[in-house]
All heavy atoms as atom14 arrays in JSON, in Angstrom:
{
  "sequence": "EDADQLVFKAIQTYSNKEVVRWIEVPQEGQEEPESPAPVL",
  "atom14_mask": [
    [1, 1, 1, 1, 1, 1, 1, 1, 1, 0, 0, 0, 0, 0],
    [1, 1, 1, 1, 1, 1, 1, 1, 0, 0, 0, 0, 0, 0],
    [1, 1, 1, 1, 1, 0, 0, 0, 0, 0, 0, 0, 0, 0],
    [1, 1, 1, 1, 1, 1, 1, 1, 0, 0, 0, 0, 0, 0],
    [1, 1, 1, 1, 1, 1, 1, 1, 1, 0, 0, 0, 0, 0],
    [1, 1, 1, 1, 1, 1, 1, 1, 0, 0, 0, 0, 0, 0],
    [1, 1, 1, 1, 1, 1, 1, 0, 0, 0, 0, 0, 0, 0],
    [1, 1, 1, 1, 1, 1, 1, 1, 1, 1, 1, 0, 0, 0],
    [1, 1, 1, 1, 1, 1, 1, 1, 1, 0, 0, 0, 0, 0],
    [1, 1, 1, 1, 1, 0, 0, 0, 0, 0, 0, 0, 0, 0],
    [1, 1, 1, 1, 1, 1, 1, 1, 0, 0, 0, 0, 0, 0],
    [1, 1, 1, 1, 1, 1, 1, 1, 1, 0, 0, 0, 0, 0],
    [1, 1, 1, 1, 1, 1, 1, 0, 0, 0, 0, 0, 0, 0],
    [1, 1, 1, 1, 1, 1, 1, 1, 1, 1, 1, 1, 0, 0],
    [1, 1, 1, 1, 1, 1, 0, 0, 0, 0, 0, 0, 0, 0],
    [1, 1, 1, 1, 1, 1, 1, 1, 0, 0, 0, 0, 0, 0],
    [1, 1, 1, 1, 1, 1, 1, 1, 1, 0, 0, 0, 0, 0],
    [1, 1, 1, 1, 1, 1, 1, 1, 1, 0, 0, 0, 0, 0],
    [1, 1, 1, 1, 1, 1, 1, 0, 0, 0, 0, 0, 0, 0],
    [1, 1, 1, 1, 1, 1, 1, 0, 0, 0, 0, 0, 0, 0],
    [1, 1, 1, 1, 1, 1, 1, 1, 1, 1, 1, 0, 0, 0],
    [1, 1, 1, 1, 1, 1, 1, 1, 1, 1, 1, 1, 1, 1],
    [1, 1, 1, 1, 1, 1, 1, 1, 0, 0, 0, 0, 0, 0],
    [1, 1, 1, 1, 1, 1, 1, 1, 1, 0, 0, 0, 0, 0],
    [1, 1, 1, 1, 1, 1, 1, 0, 0, 0, 0, 0, 0, 0],
    [1, 1, 1, 1, 1, 1, 1, 0, 0, 0, 0, 0, 0, 0],
    [1, 1, 1, 1, 1, 1, 1, 1, 1, 0, 0, 0, 0, 0],
    [1, 1, 1, 1, 1, 1, 1, 1, 1, 0, 0, 0, 0, 0],
    [1, 1, 1, 1, 0, 0, 0, 0, 0, 0, 0, 0, 0, 0],
    [1, 1, 1, 1, 1, 1, 1, 1, 1, 0, 0, 0, 0, 0],
    [1, 1, 1, 1, 1, 1, 1, 1, 1, 0, 0, 0, 0, 0],
    [1, 1, 1, 1, 1, 1, 1, 1, 1, 0, 0, 0, 0, 0],
    [1, 1, 1, 1, 1, 1, 1, 0, 0, 0, 0, 0, 0, 0],
    [1, 1, 1, 1, 1, 1, 1, 1, 1, 0, 0, 0, 0, 0],
    [1, 1, 1, 1, 1, 1, 0, 0, 0, 0, 0, 0, 0, 0],
    [1, 1, 1, 1, 1, 1, 1, 0, 0, 0, 0, 0, 0, 0],
    [1, 1, 1, 1, 1, 0, 0, 0, 0, 0, 0, 0, 0, 0],
    [1, 1, 1, 1, 1, 1, 1, 0, 0, 0, 0, 0, 0, 0],
    [1, 1, 1, 1, 1, 1, 1, 0, 0, 0, 0, 0, 0, 0],
    [1, 1, 1, 1, 1, 1, 1, 1, 0, 0, 0, 0, 0, 0]
  ],
  "atom14_positions": [
    [[-0.37, -8.85, 19.24], [0.23, -8.13, 20.37], [1.71, -7.87, 20.15], [2.32, -7.1, 20.89], [0.02, -8.93, 21.66], [-1.44, -9.17, 22.0], [-1.61, -9.98, 23.27], [-0.61, -10.11, 24.02], [-2.71, -10.5, 23.52], [0.0, 0.0, 0.0], [0.0, 0.0, 0.0], [0.0, 0.0, 0.0], [0.0, 0.0, 0.0], [0.0, 0.0, 0.0]],
    [[2.29, -8.52, 19.13], [3.73, -8.39, 18.89], [4.04, -7.6, 17.62], [5.07, -7.8, 16.98], [4.36, -9.78, 18.79], [3.72, -10.63, 17.7], [2.67, -10.22, 17.16], [4.3, -11.7, 17.37], [0.0, 0.0, 0.0], [0.0, 0.0, 0.0], [0.0, 0.0, 0.0], [0.0, 0.0, 0.0], [0.0, 0.0, 0.0], [0.0, 0.0, 0.0]],
    [[3.14, -6.69, 17.24], [3.36, -5.86, 16.04], [2.84, -4.46, 16.31], [1.9, -4.27, 17.08], [2.67, -6.47, 14.83], [0.0, 0.0, 0.0], [0.0, 0.0, 0.0], [0.0, 0.0, 0.0], [0.0, 0.0, 0.0], [0.0, 0.0, 0.0], [0.0, 0.0, 0.0], [0.0, 0.0, 0.0], [0.0, 0.0, 0.0], [0.0, 0.0, 0.0]],
    [[3.45, -3.49, 15.65], [3.03, -2.09, 15.8], [2.14, -1.65, 14.65], [1.49, -0.6, 14.73], [4.25, -1.17, 15.87], [5.09, -1.41, 17.11], [4.51, -1.71, 18.17], [6.34, -1.32, 17.02], [0.0, 0.0, 0.0], [0.0, 0.0, 0.0], [0.0, 0.0, 0.0], [0.0, 0.0, 0.0], [0.0, 0.0, 0.0], [0.0, 0.0, 0.0]],
    [[2.11, -2.43, 13.58], [1.29, -2.07, 12.44], [0.97, -3.3, 11.61], [1.62, -4.34, 11.71], [1.99, -1.03, 11.56], [3.28, -1.54, 10.93], [3.99, -0.5, 10.08], [3.85, 0.7, 10.31], [4.73, -0.95, 9.09], [0.0, 0.0, 0.0], [0.0, 0.0, 0.0], [0.0, 0.0, 0.0], [0.0, 0.0, 0.0], [0.0, 0.0, 0.0]],
    [[-0.07, -3.17, 10.8], [-0.47, -4.22, 9.86], [-0.52, -3.61, 8.46], [-1.05, -2.51, 8.28], [-1.83, -4.82, 10.22], [-1.92, -5.63, 11.52], [-3.36, -6.08, 11.74], [-0.98, -6.83, 11.48], [0.0, 0.0, 0.0], [0.0, 0.0, 0.0], [0.0, 0.0, 0.0], [0.0, 0.0, 0.0], [0.0, 0.0, 0.0], [0.0, 0.0, 0.0]],
    [[0.03, -4.33, 7.49], [0.06, -3.85, 6.11], [-0.96, -4.63, 5.28], [-0.97, -5.87, 5.3], [1.46, -4.01, 5.49], [1.44, -3.54, 4.04], [2.49, -3.2, 6.29], [0.0, 0.0, 0.0], [0.0, 0.0, 0.0], [0.0, 0.0, 0.0], [0.0, 0.0, 0.0], [0.0, 0.0, 0.0], [0.0, 0.0, 0.0], [0.0, 0.0, 0.0]],
    [[-1.83, -3.9, 4.59], [-2.86, -4.51, 3.74], [-2.58, -4.08, 2.29], [-2.81, -2.91, 1.95], [-4.25, -4.06, 4.15], [-4.61, -4.4, 5.57], [-4.28, -3.54, 6.61], [-5.3, -5.57, 5.87], [-4.61, -3.84, 7.93], [-5.64, -5.88, 7.18], [-5.29, -5.01, 8.21], [0.0, 0.0, 0.0], [0.0, 0.0, 0.0], [0.0, 0.0, 0.0]],
    [[-2.12, -4.99, 1.47], [-1.87, -4.65, 0.07], [-3.19, -4.67, -0.69], [-3.98, -5.61, -0.57], [-0.87, -5.62, -0.54], [0.52, -5.53, 0.11], [1.52, -6.44, -0.56], [2.89, -6.28, 0.09], [3.93, -7.13, -0.56], [0.0, 0.0, 0.0], [0.0, 0.0, 0.0], [0.0, 0.0, 0.0], [0.0, 0.0, 0.0], [0.0, 0.0, 0.0]],
    [[-3.42, -3.59, -1.47], [-4.71, -3.44, -2.15], [-4.53, -3.27, -3.65], [-3.51, -2.74, -4.12], [-5.46, -2.23, -1.58], [0.0, 0.0, 0.0], [0.0, 0.0, 0.0], [0.0, 0.0, 0.0], [0.0, 0.0, 0.0], [0.0, 0.0, 0.0], [0.0, 0.0, 0.0], [0.0, 0.0, 0.0], [0.0, 0.0, 0.0], [0.0, 0.0, 0.0]],
    [[-5.53, -3.72, -4.4], [-5.54, -3.58, -5.86], [-6.85, -2.92, -6.26], [-7.94, -3.41, -5.94], [-5.4, -4.95, -6.55], [-4.08, -5.62, -6.13], [-5.45, -4.79, -8.07], [-3.89, -7.01, -6.71], [0.0, 0.0, 0.0], [0.0, 0.0, 0.0], [0.0, 0.0, 0.0], [0.0, 0.0, 0.0], [0.0, 0.0, 0.0], [0.0, 0.0, 0.0]],
    [[-6.75, -1.8, -6.95], [-7.91, -1.0, -7.36], [-8.1, -1.13, -8.87], [-7.17, -0.91, -9.64], [-7.69, 0.46, -6.97], [-8.82, 1.4, -7.29], [-8.52, 2.83, -6.82], [-7.39, 3.15, -6.46], [-9.53, 3.68, -6.85], [0.0, 0.0, 0.0], [0.0, 0.0, 0.0], [0.0, 0.0, 0.0], [0.0, 0.0, 0.0], [0.0, 0.0, 0.0]],
    [[-9.32, -1.5, -9.29], [-9.61, -1.66, -10.72], [-10.66, -0.65, -11.16], [-11.66, -0.44, -10.47], [-10.12, -3.09, -11.0], [-9.14, -4.04, -10.57], [-10.36, -3.27, -12.5], [0.0, 0.0, 0.0], [0.0, 0.0, 0.0], [0.0, 0.0, 0.0], [0.0, 0.0, 0.0], [0.0, 0.0, 0.0], [0.0, 0.0, 0.0], [0.0, 0.0, 0.0]],
    [[-10.41, -0.04, -12.34], [-11.32, 0.96, -12.88], [-12.18, 0.38, -14.0], [-11.89, -0.7, -14.53], [-10.52, 2.16, -13.42], [-9.94, 3.03, -12.33], [-8.66, 2.79, -11.83], [-10.65, 4.11, -11.81], [-8.12, 3.59, -10.83], [-10.12, 4.92, -10.82], [-8.86, 4.65, -10.34], [-8.33, 5.43, -9.35], [0.0, 0.0, 0.0], [0.0, 0.0, 0.0]],
    [[-13.22, 1.12, -14.34], [-14.16, 0.66, -15.38], [-13.51, 0.58, -16.75], [-14.02, -0.12, -17.63], [-15.37, 1.61, -15.43], [-14.95, 2.95, -15.64], [0.0, 0.0, 0.0], [0.0, 0.0, 0.0], [0.0, 0.0, 0.0], [0.0, 0.0, 0.0], [0.0, 0.0, 0.0], [0.0, 0.0, 0.0], [0.0, 0.0, 0.0], [0.0, 0.0, 0.0]],
    [[-12.4, 1.29, -16.95], [-11.69, 1.22, -18.23], [-10.62, 0.12, -18.23], [-9.72, 0.12, -19.06], [-11.06, 2.57, -18.57], [-10.05, 3.02, -17.51], [-9.79, 2.3, -16.54], [-9.47, 4.19, -17.7], [0.0, 0.0, 0.0], [0.0, 0.0, 0.0], [0.0, 0.0, 0.0], [0.0, 0.0, 0.0], [0.0, 0.0, 0.0], [0.0, 0.0, 0.0]],
    [[-10.69, -0.78, -17.25], [-9.79, -1.94, -17.11], [-8.42, -1.58, -16.55], [-7.55, -2.44, -16.43], [-9.61, -2.68, -18.46], [-10.92, -3.07, -19.13], [-11.77, -3.94, -18.23], [-13.08, -4.34, -18.92], [-13.96, -5.16, -18.04], [0.0, 0.0, 0.0], [0.0, 0.0, 0.0], [0.0, 0.0, 0.0], [0.0, 0.0, 0.0], [0.0, 0.0, 0.0]],
    [[-8.22, -0.32, -16.2], [-6.94, 0.07, -15.59], [-6.84, -0.52, -14.18], [-7.83, -0.52, -13.43], [-6.82, 1.59, -15.51], [-5.53, 2.06, -14.86], [-5.48, 3.57, -14.68], [-6.46, 4.24, -15.05], [-4.46, 4.06, -14.17], [0.0, 0.0, 0.0], [0.0, 0.0, 0.0], [0.0, 0.0, 0.0], [0.0, 0.0, 0.0], [0.0, 0.0, 0.0]],
    [[-5.66, -1.01, -13.83], [-5.44, -1.61, -12.52], [-4.31, -0.86, -11.81], [-3.23, -0.65, -12.38], [-5.07, -3.1, -12.64], [-4.75, -3.68, -11.26], [-6.2, -3.88, -13.28], [0.0, 0.0, 0.0], [0.0, 0.0, 0.0], [0.0, 0.0, 0.0], [0.0, 0.0, 0.0], [0.0, 0.0, 0.0], [0.0, 0.0, 0.0], [0.0, 0.0, 0.0]],
    [[-4.57, -0.43, -10.58], [-3.56, 0.26, -9.76], [-3.26, -0.61, -8.55], [-4.17, -0.98, -7.8], [-4.05, 1.65, -9.32], [-2.96, 2.35, -8.51], [-4.44, 2.49, -10.53], [0.0, 0.0, 0.0], [0.0, 0.0, 0.0], [0.0, 0.0, 0.0], [0.0, 0.0, 0.0], [0.0, 0.0, 0.0], [0.0, 0.0, 0.0], [0.0, 0.0, 0.0]],
    [[-1.99, -0.94, -8.37], [-1.58, -1.83, -7.27], [-0.97, -1.01, -6.14], [0.14, -0.48, -6.27], [-0.57, -2.86, -7.8], [-1.13, -3.7, -8.93], [-0.11, -4.7, -9.46], [-0.64, -5.44, -10.59], [-1.4, -6.53, -10.47], [-1.66, -7.02, -9.27], [-1.86, -7.16, -11.55], [0.0, 0.0, 0.0], [0.0, 0.0, 0.0], [0.0, 0.0, 0.0]],
    [[-1.7, -0.94, -5.04], [-1.22, -0.23, -3.85], [-0.52, -1.25, -2.95], [-1.1, -1.75, -1.99], [-2.37, 0.45, -3.13], [-3.16, 1.37, -4.01], [-4.36, 1.12, -4.6], [-2.8, 2.7, -4.4], [-4.77, 2.2, -5.34], [-3.83, 3.19, -5.23], [-1.71, 3.53, -4.12], [-3.8, 4.45, -5.79], [-1.68, 4.79, -4.67], [-2.71, 5.25, -5.49]],
    [[0.72, -1.59, -3.3], [1.39, -2.72, -2.65], [2.77, -2.39, -2.11], [3.44, -3.24, -1.53], [1.5, -3.92, -3.61], [2.32, -3.53, -4.85], [0.11, -4.4, -4.04], [2.58, -4.69, -5.79], [0.0, 0.0, 0.0], [0.0, 0.0, 0.0], [0.0, 0.0, 0.0], [0.0, 0.0, 0.0], [0.0, 0.0, 0.0], [0.0, 0.0, 0.0]],
    [[3.24, -1.16, -2.29], [4.57, -0.79, -1.82], [4.51, -0.47, -0.32], [3.73, 0.37, 0.1], [5.12, 0.4, -2.6], [5.28, 0.12, -4.1], [5.82, 1.33, -4.83], [6.99, 1.67, -4.61], [5.05, 1.95, -5.61], [0.0, 0.0, 0.0], [0.0, 0.0, 0.0], [0.0, 0.0, 0.0], [0.0, 0.0, 0.0], [0.0, 0.0, 0.0]],
    [[5.36, -1.14, 0.45], [5.35, -0.96, 1.91], [6.18, 0.27, 2.29], [7.37, 0.33, 1.99], [5.92, -2.21, 2.61], [5.86, -2.03, 4.13], [5.14, -3.46, 2.2], [0.0, 0.0, 0.0], [0.0, 0.0, 0.0], [0.0, 0.0, 0.0], [0.0, 0.0, 0.0], [0.0, 0.0, 0.0], [0.0, 0.0, 0.0], [0.0, 0.0, 0.0]],
    [[5.57, 1.27, 2.92], [6.32, 2.45, 3.36], [7.39, 2.07, 4.38], [7.17, 1.24, 5.26], [5.24, 3.35, 3.99], [3.95, 2.85, 3.4], [4.13, 1.38, 3.21], [0.0, 0.0, 0.0], [0.0, 0.0, 0.0], [0.0, 0.0, 0.0], [0.0, 0.0, 0.0], [0.0, 0.0, 0.0], [0.0, 0.0, 0.0], [0.0, 0.0, 0.0]],
    [[8.57, 2.69, 4.27], [9.67, 2.44, 5.18], [9.93, 3.66, 6.05], [9.94, 4.79, 5.54], [10.94, 2.07, 4.4], [10.79, 0.85, 3.5], [10.52, -0.42, 4.27], [11.0, -0.6, 5.39], [9.75, -1.33, 3.68], [0.0, 0.0, 0.0], [0.0, 0.0, 0.0], [0.0, 0.0, 0.0], [0.0, 0.0, 0.0], [0.0, 0.0, 0.0]],
    [[10.12, 3.44, 7.33], [10.36, 4.54, 8.25], [11.62, 5.3, 7.87], [12.65, 4.71, 7.58], [10.48, 4.01, 9.68], [10.58, 5.11, 10.74], [10.6, 4.55, 12.14], [10.47, 3.32, 12.3], [10.74, 5.35, 13.09], [0.0, 0.0, 0.0], [0.0, 0.0, 0.0], [0.0, 0.0, 0.0], [0.0, 0.0, 0.0], [0.0, 0.0, 0.0]],
    [[11.52, 6.63, 7.86], [12.67, 7.46, 7.54], [12.86, 7.69, 6.06], [13.79, 8.4, 5.67], [0.0, 0.0, 0.0], [0.0, 0.0, 0.0], [0.0, 0.0, 0.0], [0.0, 0.0, 0.0], [0.0, 0.0, 0.0], [0.0, 0.0, 0.0], [0.0, 0.0, 0.0], [0.0, 0.0, 0.0], [0.0, 0.0, 0.0], [0.0, 0.0, 0.0]],
    [[12.0, 7.1, 5.23], [12.11, 7.27, 3.79], [10.86, 7.95, 3.25], [9.82, 7.98, 3.9], [12.31, 5.92, 3.1], [13.58, 5.2, 3.5], [13.76, 3.89, 2.75], [13.08, 3.62, 1.76], [14.7, 3.06, 3.22], [0.0, 0.0, 0.0], [0.0, 0.0, 0.0], [0.0, 0.0, 0.0], [0.0, 0.0, 0.0], [0.0, 0.0, 0.0]],
    [[10.97, 8.51, 2.03], [9.83, 9.16, 1.41], [8.75, 8.13, 1.1], [9.03, 6.96, 0.88], [10.26, 9.87, 0.13], [11.19, 11.06, 0.35], [11.48, 11.78, -0.95], [10.97, 11.34, -2.0], [12.22, 12.78, -0.92], [0.0, 0.0, 0.0], [0.0, 0.0, 0.0], [0.0, 0.0, 0.0], [0.0, 0.0, 0.0], [0.0, 0.0, 0.0]],
    [[7.52, 8.61, 1.09], [6.4, 7.72, 0.79], [6.52, 7.2, -0.63], [6.78, 7.97, -1.57], [5.08, 8.46, 0.97], [3.86, 7.58, 0.76], [2.56, 8.33, 0.98], [2.24, 9.17, 0.12], [1.89, 8.1, 1.99], [0.0, 0.0, 0.0], [0.0, 0.0, 0.0], [0.0, 0.0, 0.0], [0.0, 0.0, 0.0], [0.0, 0.0, 0.0]],
    [[6.37, 5.89, -0.85], [6.47, 5.34, -2.2], [5.35, 5.85, -3.09], [4.36, 6.4, -2.62], [6.38, 3.83, -1.98], [5.69, 3.68, -0.66], [6.13, 4.85, 0.17], [0.0, 0.0, 0.0], [0.0, 0.0, 0.0], [0.0, 0.0, 0.0], [0.0, 0.0, 0.0], [0.0, 0.0, 0.0], [0.0, 0.0, 0.0], [0.0, 0.0, 0.0]],
    [[5.5, 5.63, -4.38], [4.51, 6.13, -5.35], [3.16, 5.44, -5.19], [2.12, 6.06, -5.35], [5.04, 5.91, -6.76], [4.14, 6.48, -7.84], [4.72, 6.32, -9.23], [5.9, 5.93, -9.34], [3.99, 6.58, -10.21], [0.0, 0.0, 0.0], [0.0, 0.0, 0.0], [0.0, 0.0, 0.0], [0.0, 0.0, 0.0], [0.0, 0.0, 0.0]],
    [[3.18, 4.15, -4.88], [1.94, 3.39, -4.71], [1.95, 2.69, -3.35], [2.11, 1.46, -3.26], [1.78, 2.36, -5.83], [1.76, 2.99, -7.09], [0.0, 0.0, 0.0], [0.0, 0.0, 0.0], [0.0, 0.0, 0.0], [0.0, 0.0, 0.0], [0.0, 0.0, 0.0], [0.0, 0.0, 0.0], [0.0, 0.0, 0.0], [0.0, 0.0, 0.0]],
    [[1.79, 3.46, -2.26], [1.9, 2.87, -0.92], [0.75, 1.95, -0.57], [-0.4, 2.19, -0.94], [1.91, 4.11, -0.01], [1.11, 5.11, -0.78], [1.46, 4.89, -2.22], [0.0, 0.0, 0.0], [0.0, 0.0, 0.0], [0.0, 0.0, 0.0], [0.0, 0.0, 0.0], [0.0, 0.0, 0.0], [0.0, 0.0, 0.0], [0.0, 0.0, 0.0]],
    [[1.05, 0.88, 0.15], [0.02, -0.03, 0.64], [-0.65, 0.58, 1.87], [-0.02, 1.32, 2.63], [0.64, -1.38, 1.0], [0.0, 0.0, 0.0], [0.0, 0.0, 0.0], [0.0, 0.0, 0.0], [0.0, 0.0, 0.0], [0.0, 0.0, 0.0], [0.0, 0.0, 0.0], [0.0, 0.0, 0.0], [0.0, 0.0, 0.0], [0.0, 0.0, 0.0]],
    [[-1.93, 0.32, 2.09], [-2.6, 0.8, 3.31], [-1.95, 0.19, 4.55], [-1.7, -1.02, 4.59], [-4.03, 0.31, 3.14], [-4.21, 0.1, 1.67], [-2.88, -0.37, 1.18], [0.0, 0.0, 0.0], [0.0, 0.0, 0.0], [0.0, 0.0, 0.0], [0.0, 0.0, 0.0], [0.0, 0.0, 0.0], [0.0, 0.0, 0.0], [0.0, 0.0, 0.0]],
    [[-1.66, 1.03, 5.55], [-1.01, 0.58, 6.78], [-1.86, 0.97, 7.97], [-2.22, 2.14, 8.13], [0.4, 1.19, 6.92], [1.03, 0.76, 8.24], [1.29, 0.78, 5.76], [0.0, 0.0, 0.0], [0.0, 0.0, 0.0], [0.0, 0.0, 0.0], [0.0, 0.0, 0.0], [0.0, 0.0, 0.0], [0.0, 0.0, 0.0], [0.0, 0.0, 0.0]],
    [[-2.18, -0.01, 8.81], [-2.96, 0.24, 10.03], [-2.02, 0.29, 11.22], [-1.34, -0.69, 11.54], [-3.99, -0.88, 10.23], [-4.81, -0.82, 11.53], [-5.72, 0.41, 11.53], [-5.63, -2.09, 11.72], [0.0, 0.0, 0.0], [0.0, 0.0, 0.0], [0.0, 0.0, 0.0], [0.0, 0.0, 0.0], [0.0, 0.0, 0.0], [0.0, 0.0, 0.0]]
  ]
}
């Protein structure tokens, strides 16, 4: 009840062993980061 959003950091793995880390927290008033974390 005391938050406006929840941040869920995610890690995506591909069949070729490539790993993409969606862990950058978007900041209000700034451009979206290259690998933004999912925000609810």
